[in-house]
C-alpha atoms as a PDB file:
ATOM      1  CA  MET A   1     -16.242  -8.061   0.216  1.00  0.00           C
ATOM      2  CA  LEU A   2     -13.121  -9.321  -1.526  1.00  0.00           C
ATOM      3  CA  SER A   3      -9.812  -7.489  -1.605  1.00  0.00           C
ATOM      4  CA  ILE A   4      -6.188  -7.690  -2.640  1.00  0.00           C
ATOM      5  CA  GLU A   5      -3.803  -6.270  -0.074  1.00  0.00           C
ATOM      6  CA  LEU A   6      -0.142  -5.632   0.606  1.00  0.00           C
ATOM      7  CA  VAL A   7       0.975  -7.093   3.925  1.00  0.00           C
ATOM      8  CA  LEU A   8       4.082  -6.248   5.895  1.00  0.00           C
ATOM      9  CA  THR A   9       7.186  -8.044   7.072  1.00  0.00           C
ATOM     10  CA  PRO A  10       7.076  -9.230  10.694  1.00  0.00           C
ATOM     11  CA  ALA A  11       9.069  -6.199  11.900  1.00  0.00           C
ATOM     12  CA  ALA A  12       6.871  -3.705  10.036  1.00  0.00           C
ATOM     13  CA  ASP A  13       3.730  -5.546  11.163  1.00  0.00           C
ATOM     14  CA  ALA A  14       4.941  -5.291  14.775  1.00  0.00           C
ATOM     15  CA  ALA A  15       5.491  -1.530  14.388  1.00  0.00           C
ATOM     16  CA  VAL A  16       1.879  -1.005  13.293  1.00  0.00           C
ATOM     17  CA  ARG A  17       0.608  -3.305  16.039  1.00  0.00           C
ATOM     18  CA  ALA A  18       2.529  -1.163  18.561  1.00  0.00           C
ATOM     19  CA  VAL A  19       0.427   1.796  17.411  1.00  0.00           C
ATOM     20  CA  TRP A  20      -2.727  -0.301  17.773  1.00  0.00           C
ATOM     21  CA  ASP A  21      -1.596  -1.211  21.311  1.00  0.00           C
ATOM     22  CA  ALA A  22      -0.922   2.433  22.217  1.00  0.00           C
ATOM     23  CA  LEU A  23      -4.502   3.291  21.262  1.00  0.00           C
ATOM     24  CA  ILE A  24      -5.820   0.388  23.350  1.00  0.00           C
ATOM     25  CA  ALA A  25      -3.695   1.519  26.314  1.00  0.00           C
ATOM     26  CA  ASP A  26      -5.590   4.826  26.196  1.00  0.00           C
ATOM     27  CA  ASP A  27      -8.937   2.991  25.999  1.00  0.00           C
ATOM     28  CA  LEU A  28      -9.517   4.160  22.427  1.00  0.00           C
ATOM     29  CA  PRO A  29     -10.785   2.281  19.385  1.00  0.00           C
ATOM     30  CA  SER A  30      -8.047   0.280  17.678  1.00  0.00           C
ATOM     31  CA  LEU A  31      -7.762  -2.418  15.051  1.00  0.00           C
ATOM     32  CA  GLY A  32      -5.786  -4.263  17.708  1.00  0.00           C
ATOM     33  CA  ARG A  33      -9.090  -5.082  19.396  1.00  0.00           C
ATOM     34  CA  HIS A  34      -9.985  -7.384  16.474  1.00  0.00           C
ATOM     35  CA  VAL A  35      -8.415 -10.671  17.492  1.00  0.00           C
ATOM     36  CA  SER A  36      -9.129 -12.639  14.308  1.00  0.00           C
ATOM     37  CA  ALA A  37      -6.087 -14.512  13.012  1.00  0.00           C
ATOM     38  CA  SER A  38      -6.588 -12.830   9.630  1.00  0.00           C
ATOM     39  CA  ASN A  39      -6.496  -9.308  11.106  1.00  0.00           C
ATOM     40  CA  ALA A  40      -3.165  -7.878  10.028  1.00  0.00           C
ATOM     41  CA  PRO A  41      -1.863  -4.439   9.112  1.00  0.00           C
ATOM     42  CA  HIS A  42      -2.252  -4.045   5.364  1.00  0.00           C
ATOM     43  CA  VAL A  43      -2.751  -1.631   2.479  1.00  0.00           C
ATOM     44  CA  THR A  44      -5.764  -2.411   0.314  1.00  0.00           C
ATOM     45  CA  LEU A  45      -4.950  -2.302  -3.400  1.00  0.00           C
ATOM     46  CA  THR A  46      -8.415  -3.161  -4.688  1.00  0.00           C
ATOM     47  CA  ALA A  47     -11.715  -4.283  -3.211  1.00  0.00           C
ATOM     48  CA  GLY A  48     -15.083  -5.271  -4.578  1.00  0.00           C
ATOM     49  CA  PRO A  49     -17.755  -7.960  -4.459  1.00  0.00           C
ATOM     50  CA  ASP A  50     -16.715  -9.726  -7.681  1.00  0.00           C
ATOM     51  CA  LEU A  51     -12.917  -9.872  -7.665  1.00  0.00           C
ATOM     52  CA  ALA A  52     -11.246 -13.076  -8.770  1.00  0.00           C
ATOM     53  CA  VAL A  53      -7.974 -14.438  -7.423  1.00  0.00           C
ATOM     54  CA  PRO A  54      -5.434 -13.263 -10.016  1.00  0.00           C
ATOM     55  CA  ALA A  55      -2.981 -15.665 -11.621  1.00  0.00           C
ATOM     56  CA  GLY A  56      -0.167 -13.156 -11.256  1.00  0.00           C
ATOM     57  CA  PHE A  57       0.887  -9.570 -11.814  1.00  0.00           C
ATOM     58  CA  ASP A  58       2.851  -7.953 -14.637  1.00  0.00           C
ATOM     59  CA  ALA A  59       4.726  -5.592 -12.322  1.00  0.00           C
ATOM     60  CA  PRO A  60       6.921  -6.356  -9.311  1.00  0.00           C
ATOM     61  CA  VAL A  61       5.569  -6.112  -5.785  1.00  0.00           C
ATOM     62  CA  PRO A  62       7.012  -2.999  -4.136  1.00  0.00           C
ATOM     63  CA  THR A  63       9.540  -3.774  -1.426  1.00  0.00           C
ATOM     64  CA  GLU A  64       8.682  -0.868   0.845  1.00  0.00           C
ATOM     65  CA  LEU A  65       5.998   1.657   1.710  1.00  0.00           C
ATOM     66  CA  ARG A  66       6.737   5.250   2.664  1.00  0.00           C
ATOM     67  CA  VAL A  67       4.475   6.308   5.521  1.00  0.00           C
ATOM     68  CA  GLY A  68       2.786   9.703   5.250  1.00  0.00           C
ATOM     69  CA  GLY A  69       0.750  11.798   7.635  1.00  0.00           C
ATOM     70  CA  VAL A  70      -2.247  11.133   9.821  1.00  0.00           C
ATOM     71  CA  LEU A  71      -5.553  11.213   7.955  1.00  0.00           C
ATOM     72  CA  LEU A  72      -9.167  11.040   9.024  1.00  0.00           C
ATOM     73  CA  PHE A  73     -11.958   9.499   6.968  1.00  0.00           C
ATOM     74  CA  PRO A  74     -15.576  10.231   7.946  1.00  0.00           C
ATOM     75  CA  ALA A  75     -17.280   7.422   9.875  1.00  0.00           C
ATOM     76  CA  GLY A  76     -20.745   8.652  10.701  1.00  0.00           C
ATOM     77  CA  THR A  77     -21.733  11.504  12.943  1.00  0.00           C
ATOM     78  CA  GLU A  78     -18.851  12.874  14.999  1.00  0.00           C
ATOM     79  CA  ARG A  79     -16.630   9.848  14.383  1.00  0.00           C
ATOM     80  CA  SER A  80     -13.652   9.193  12.138  1.00  0.00           C
ATOM     81  CA  VAL A  81     -11.463   6.399  10.836  1.00  0.00           C
ATOM     82  CA  LEU A  82      -7.885   7.129  11.921  1.00  0.00           C
ATOM     83  CA  VAL A  83      -5.227   6.152   9.370  1.00  0.00           C
ATOM     84  CA  ARG A  84      -1.675   6.830   8.304  1.00  0.00           C
ATOM     85  CA  ALA A  85      -1.338   7.722   4.652  1.00  0.00           C
ATOM     86  CA  VAL A  86       0.959   5.738   2.379  1.00  0.00           C
ATOM     87  CA  VAL A  87       2.848   7.806  -0.188  1.00  0.00           C
ATOM     88  CA  VAL A  88       2.183   6.727  -3.777  1.00  0.00           C
ATOM     89  CA  GLU A  89       5.711   6.296  -5.067  1.00  0.00           C
ATOM     90  CA  GLN A  90       6.477   5.004  -8.565  1.00  0.00           C
ATOM     91  CA  ALA A  91       6.841   1.299  -7.667  1.00  0.00           C
ATOM     92  CA  LEU A  92       3.613   1.314  -5.644  1.00  0.00           C
ATOM     93  CA  ALA A  93       1.695   3.139  -8.390  1.00  0.00           C
ATOM     94  CA  ALA A  94       2.907   0.686 -11.058  1.00  0.00           C
ATOM     95  CA  PHE A  95       1.985  -2.335  -8.942  1.00  0.00           C
ATOM     96  CA  HIS A  96      -1.426  -0.842  -8.118  1.00  0.00           C
ATOM     97  CA  VAL A  97      -2.201  -0.505 -11.837  1.00  0.00           C
ATOM     98  CA  ALA A  98      -0.971  -4.084 -12.420  1.00  0.00           C
ATOM     99  CA  VAL A  99      -3.308  -5.370  -9.704  1.00  0.00           C
ATOM    100  CA  HIS A 100      -6.253  -3.705 -11.434  1.00  0.00           C
ATOM    101  CA  ARG A 101      -5.258  -5.226 -14.776  1.00  0.00           C
ATOM    102  CA  ALA A 102      -5.045  -8.685 -13.189  1.00  0.00           C
ATOM    103  CA  ALA A 103      -8.210  -8.323 -11.068  1.00  0.00           C
ATOM    104  CA  PRO A 104     -10.654  -5.827 -12.601  1.00  0.00           C
ATOM    105  CA  GLY A 105     -13.881  -4.893 -10.888  1.00  0.00           C
ATOM    106  CA  GLY A 106     -12.690  -2.895  -7.902  1.00  0.00           C
ATOM    107  CA  ALA A 107     -14.833  -0.213  -6.290  1.00  0.00           C
ATOM    108  CA  ASP A 108     -14.523   3.336  -7.601  1.00  0.00           C
ATOM    109  CA  THR A 109     -12.582   4.462  -4.502  1.00  0.00           C
ATOM    110  CA  VAL A 110      -9.704   2.022  -5.145  1.00  0.00           C
ATOM    111  CA  LEU A 111      -9.235   2.626  -8.853  1.00  0.00           C
ATOM    112  CA  PRO A 112      -6.008   4.220 -10.101  1.00  0.00           C
ATOM    113  CA  GLY A 113      -6.419   7.979  -9.838  1.00  0.00           C
ATOM    114  CA  ALA A 114      -8.981   7.757  -7.007  1.00  0.00           C
ATOM    115  CA  TRP A 115      -7.120   5.550  -4.514  1.00  0.00           C
ATOM    116  CA  SER A 116      -5.917   6.833  -1.131  1.00  0.00           C
ATOM    117  CA  PRO A 117      -3.568   4.133   0.142  1.00  0.00           C
ATOM    118  CA  HIS A 118      -3.370   3.955   3.902  1.00  0.00           C
ATOM    119  CA  LEU A 119      -2.813   1.846   6.997  1.00  0.00           C
ATOM    120  CA  THR A 120      -5.912   1.810   9.176  1.00  0.00           C
ATOM    121  CA  LEU A 121      -5.235   2.295  12.866  1.00  0.00           C
ATOM    122  CA  ALA A 122      -8.727   2.694  14.341  1.00  0.00           C
ATOM    123  CA  ARG A 123     -12.330   2.915  13.226  1.00  0.00           C
ATOM    124  CA  ARG A 124     -15.095   5.012  14.732  1.00  0.00           C
ATOM    125  CA  VAL A 125     -12.894   7.265  16.859  1.00  0.00           C
ATOM    126  CA  ARG A 126     -15.089   9.910  18.433  1.00  0.00           C
ATOM    127  CA  ASP A 127     -14.118  13.404  17.358  1.00  0.00           C
ATOM    128  CA  VAL A 128     -13.764  14.450  21.016  1.00  0.00           C
ATOM    129  CA  ASP A 129     -11.167  11.670  21.454  1.00  0.00           C
ATOM    130  CA  LEU A 130      -8.978  12.695  18.518  1.00  0.00           C
ATOM    131  CA  PRO A 131      -6.485  14.693  20.638  1.00  0.00           C
ATOM    132  CA  ARG A 132      -5.915  11.622  22.855  1.00  0.00           C
ATOM    133  CA  ALA A 133      -5.576   9.437  19.764  1.00  0.00           C
ATOM    134  CA  VAL A 134      -2.948  11.737  18.254  1.00  0.00           C
ATOM    135  CA  ALA A 135      -1.090  11.728  21.577  1.00  0.00           C
ATOM    136  CA  ALA A 136      -1.086   7.905  21.502  1.00  0.00           C
ATOM    137  CA  LEU A 137       0.332   7.995  17.958  1.00  0.00           C
ATOM    138  CA  ARG A 138       3.164  10.237  19.154  1.00  0.00           C
ATOM    139  CA  ARG A 139       4.060   7.672  21.838  1.00  0.00           C
ATOM    140  CA  ALA A 140       4.269   4.878  19.252  1.00  0.00           C
ATOM    141  CA  PRO A 141       5.681   6.484  16.110  1.00  0.00           C
ATOM    142  CA  LEU A 142       5.872   4.466  12.930  1.00  0.00           C
ATOM    143  CA  PRO A 143       9.117   4.313  10.974  1.00  0.00           C
ATOM    144  CA  ASP A 144       9.183   6.458   7.833  1.00  0.00           C
ATOM    145  CA  VAL A 145       9.466   3.307   5.717  1.00  0.00           C
ATOM    146  CA  LEU A 146       7.802  -0.081   6.233  1.00  0.00           C
ATOM    147  CA  GLU A 147       8.937  -3.192   4.389  1.00  0.00           C
ATOM    148  CA  VAL A 148       6.380  -5.123   2.338  1.00  0.00           C
ATOM    149  CA  GLY A 149       6.128  -8.814   3.172  1.00  0.00           C
ATOM    150  CA  GLY A 150       3.799  -9.951   0.406  1.00  0.00           C
ATOM    151  CA  VAL A 151       0.382  -9.795  -1.204  1.00  0.00           C
ATOM    152  CA  ARG A 152      -2.796 -11.523  -0.104  1.00  0.00           C
ATOM    153  CA  PHE A 153      -6.330 -12.068  -1.363  1.00  0.00           C
ATOM    154  CA  TRP A 154      -8.882 -11.534   1.408  1.00  0.00           C
ATOM    155  CA  ASP A 155     -12.379 -13.038   1.274  1.00  0.00           C
ATOM    156  CA  GLY A 156     -14.387 -11.186   3.887  1.00  0.00           C
ATOM    157  CA  ASP A 157     -17.372 -13.515   3.561  1.00  0.00           C
ATOM    158  CA  THR A 158     -15.448 -16.683   4.417  1.00  0.00           C
ATOM    159  CA  LYS A 159     -12.739 -14.888   6.430  1.00  0.00           C
ATOM    160  CA  THR A 160     -10.034 -16.638   4.418  1.00  0.00           C
ATOM    161  CA  VAL A 161      -6.668 -15.401   3.210  1.00  0.00           C
ATOM    162  CA  THR A 162      -4.913 -16.635   0.079  1.00  0.00           C
ATOM    163  CA  PRO A 163      -1.250 -15.588  -0.254  1.00  0.00           C
ATOM    164  CA  LEU A 164      -0.409 -14.340  -3.754  1.00  0.00           C
ATOM    165  CA  GLY A 165       2.984 -14.537  -5.465  1.00  0.00           C
END
């Protein structure tokens, strides 16, 4: 899978990683358990098997992301993906559309009008563990606003990252 993603500044990245660490401290699933150098907190803007690296975008990269509530996405029987929503403000919506103009071919779930931007915290959290997971999130609260550090192109097959301007 290929994707184009917003990444965070070092301070914002550290705030999300603190949440990942709080989940690990409670022996829960966490993206912090994935030790790959390319594993970083991000918001996926588009993803699909045939995306090309875009030459550029016709809208500015947003400078910040407003963090919303806790969401759960289904992940099989009695398991969920635990995420924090990202509010679709005007600058983010405009950039999202620009990304799709520059790199068409994204999956239906990431197209403008169908996209649910989010920061993934943990995958495959058992439903019975959700109260402990929420308690861990309370111990490591995210700021209301996270600063954007840039844009990257992720190639999941080769595990390579290409920074985009």
